[in-house]
Amino acid sequence: MSKSSFLAIALVVAFSGGASAQSSDPRGACKADYDKFCAGIAPGGGRIVACLNGKRDQLSDTCKAALDSRKK
């Protein structure tokens, strides 16, 4: 994983309230979806989450569940 990808995912988690379960952890649950759909998005300001939500119909079920768990 590149440093920018790791940083982007780390920021998503930092602003998500730090979910601890793998199924609700966006770092693990959304990595493949991030790499596929949002790799060029600069971290910060909720841009990565917005990108993932914008591609929601194409995301894995695991990633969707992780994003949903952020909202609770």
C-alpha atoms as a PDB file:
ATOM      1  CA  MET A   1       0.000   0.000   0.000  1.00  0.00           C
ATOM      2  CA  SER A   2       1.433   3.418  -0.882  1.00  0.00           C
ATOM      3  CA  LYS A   3       2.021   6.014   1.808  1.00  0.00           C
ATOM      4  CA  SER A   4      -0.697   8.266   0.400  1.00  0.00           C
ATOM      5  CA  SER A   5      -3.226   5.411   0.367  1.00  0.00           C
ATOM      6  CA  PHE A   6      -2.406   4.523   3.957  1.00  0.00           C
ATOM      7  CA  LEU A   7      -2.657   8.167   5.017  1.00  0.00           C
ATOM      8  CA  ALA A   8      -5.993   8.572   3.273  1.00  0.00           C
ATOM      9  CA  ILE A   9      -7.477   5.498   4.908  1.00  0.00           C
ATOM     10  CA  ALA A  10      -6.005   6.477   8.276  1.00  0.00           C
ATOM     11  CA  LEU A  11      -7.701   9.859   8.014  1.00  0.00           C
ATOM     12  CA  VAL A  12     -11.025   8.243   7.192  1.00  0.00           C
ATOM     13  CA  VAL A  13     -10.735   6.171  10.343  1.00  0.00           C
ATOM     14  CA  ALA A  14      -9.535   9.088  12.462  1.00  0.00           C
ATOM     15  CA  PHE A  15     -12.625  11.072  11.581  1.00  0.00           C
ATOM     16  CA  SER A  16     -14.932   8.087  11.857  1.00  0.00           C
ATOM     17  CA  GLY A  17     -14.731   7.721  15.603  1.00  0.00           C
ATOM     18  CA  GLY A  18     -12.245   4.853  15.490  1.00  0.00           C
ATOM     19  CA  ALA A  19     -14.445   1.835  14.886  1.00  0.00           C
ATOM     20  CA  SER A  20     -12.725  -1.217  16.284  1.00  0.00           C
ATOM     21  CA  ALA A  21     -14.354  -4.229  14.639  1.00  0.00           C
ATOM     22  CA  GLN A  22     -12.892  -5.318  11.314  1.00  0.00           C
ATOM     23  CA  SER A  23     -16.307  -5.370   9.674  1.00  0.00           C
ATOM     24  CA  SER A  24     -16.902  -1.757  10.675  1.00  0.00           C
ATOM     25  CA  ASP A  25     -13.327  -0.548  10.155  1.00  0.00           C
ATOM     26  CA  PRO A  26     -13.142   1.443   6.905  1.00  0.00           C
ATOM     27  CA  ARG A  27      -9.373   0.860   6.643  1.00  0.00           C
ATOM     28  CA  GLY A  28      -9.832  -2.840   6.056  1.00  0.00           C
ATOM     29  CA  ALA A  29     -13.377  -2.946   4.810  1.00  0.00           C
ATOM     30  CA  CYS A  30     -12.966  -0.267   2.138  1.00  0.00           C
ATOM     31  CA  LYS A  31      -9.330  -0.600   1.054  1.00  0.00           C
ATOM     32  CA  ALA A  32     -10.074  -2.446  -2.185  1.00  0.00           C
ATOM     33  CA  ASP A  33     -12.962  -0.079  -2.967  1.00  0.00           C
ATOM     34  CA  TYR A  34     -10.790   2.947  -2.172  1.00  0.00           C
ATOM     35  CA  ASP A  35      -8.005   1.631  -4.419  1.00  0.00           C
ATOM     36  CA  LYS A  36     -10.462   0.948  -7.228  1.00  0.00           C
ATOM     37  CA  PHE A  37     -12.671   4.051  -7.119  1.00  0.00           C
ATOM     38  CA  CYS A  38     -11.010   6.828  -5.100  1.00  0.00           C
ATOM     39  CA  ALA A  39      -7.225   6.369  -5.204  1.00  0.00           C
ATOM     40  CA  GLY A  40      -6.678   9.803  -6.748  1.00  0.00           C
ATOM     41  CA  ILE A  41      -8.644  11.672  -4.090  1.00  0.00           C
ATOM     42  CA  ALA A  42      -6.599  13.826  -1.724  1.00  0.00           C
ATOM     43  CA  PRO A  43      -7.315  13.165   1.956  1.00  0.00           C
ATOM     44  CA  GLY A  44      -8.971  15.739   4.170  1.00  0.00           C
ATOM     45  CA  GLY A  45     -12.264  17.506   4.427  1.00  0.00           C
ATOM     46  CA  GLY A  46     -14.264  14.291   4.072  1.00  0.00           C
ATOM     47  CA  ARG A  47     -13.345  13.939   0.394  1.00  0.00           C
ATOM     48  CA  ILE A  48     -12.574  10.214   0.582  1.00  0.00           C
ATOM     49  CA  VAL A  49     -15.800   9.372   2.391  1.00  0.00           C
ATOM     50  CA  ALA A  50     -17.691  11.543  -0.091  1.00  0.00           C
ATOM     51  CA  CYS A  51     -16.008   9.713  -2.982  1.00  0.00           C
ATOM     52  CA  LEU A  52     -16.871   6.312  -1.532  1.00  0.00           C
ATOM     53  CA  ASN A  53     -20.452   7.363  -0.858  1.00  0.00           C
ATOM     54  CA  GLY A  54     -20.677   8.680  -4.426  1.00  0.00           C
ATOM     55  CA  LYS A  55     -19.749   5.217  -5.708  1.00  0.00           C
ATOM     56  CA  ARG A  56     -21.986   3.462  -3.164  1.00  0.00           C
ATOM     57  CA  ASP A  57     -23.818   1.323  -5.723  1.00  0.00           C
ATOM     58  CA  GLN A  58     -20.453  -0.151  -6.802  1.00  0.00           C
ATOM     59  CA  LEU A  59     -18.951  -0.732  -3.329  1.00  0.00           C
ATOM     60  CA  SER A  60     -18.577  -4.073  -1.602  1.00  0.00           C
ATOM     61  CA  ASP A  61     -21.180  -4.939   1.021  1.00  0.00           C
ATOM     62  CA  THR A  62     -18.463  -4.888   3.684  1.00  0.00           C
ATOM     63  CA  CYS A  63     -17.447  -1.342   2.788  1.00  0.00           C
ATOM     64  CA  LYS A  64     -21.069  -0.187   2.725  1.00  0.00           C
ATOM     65  CA  ALA A  65     -21.563  -1.626   6.214  1.00  0.00           C
ATOM     66  CA  ALA A  66     -18.409   0.117   7.465  1.00  0.00           C
ATOM     67  CA  LEU A  67     -19.559   3.443   6.043  1.00  0.00           C
ATOM     68  CA  ASP A  68     -23.001   2.935   7.570  1.00  0.00           C
ATOM     69  CA  SER A  69     -21.447   2.214  10.976  1.00  0.00           C
ATOM     70  CA  ARG A  70     -19.717   5.619  10.866  1.00  0.00           C
ATOM     71  CA  LYS A  71     -23.112   7.321  10.863  1.00  0.00           C
ATOM     72  CA  LYS A  72     -24.205   5.768  14.166  1.00  0.00           C
END
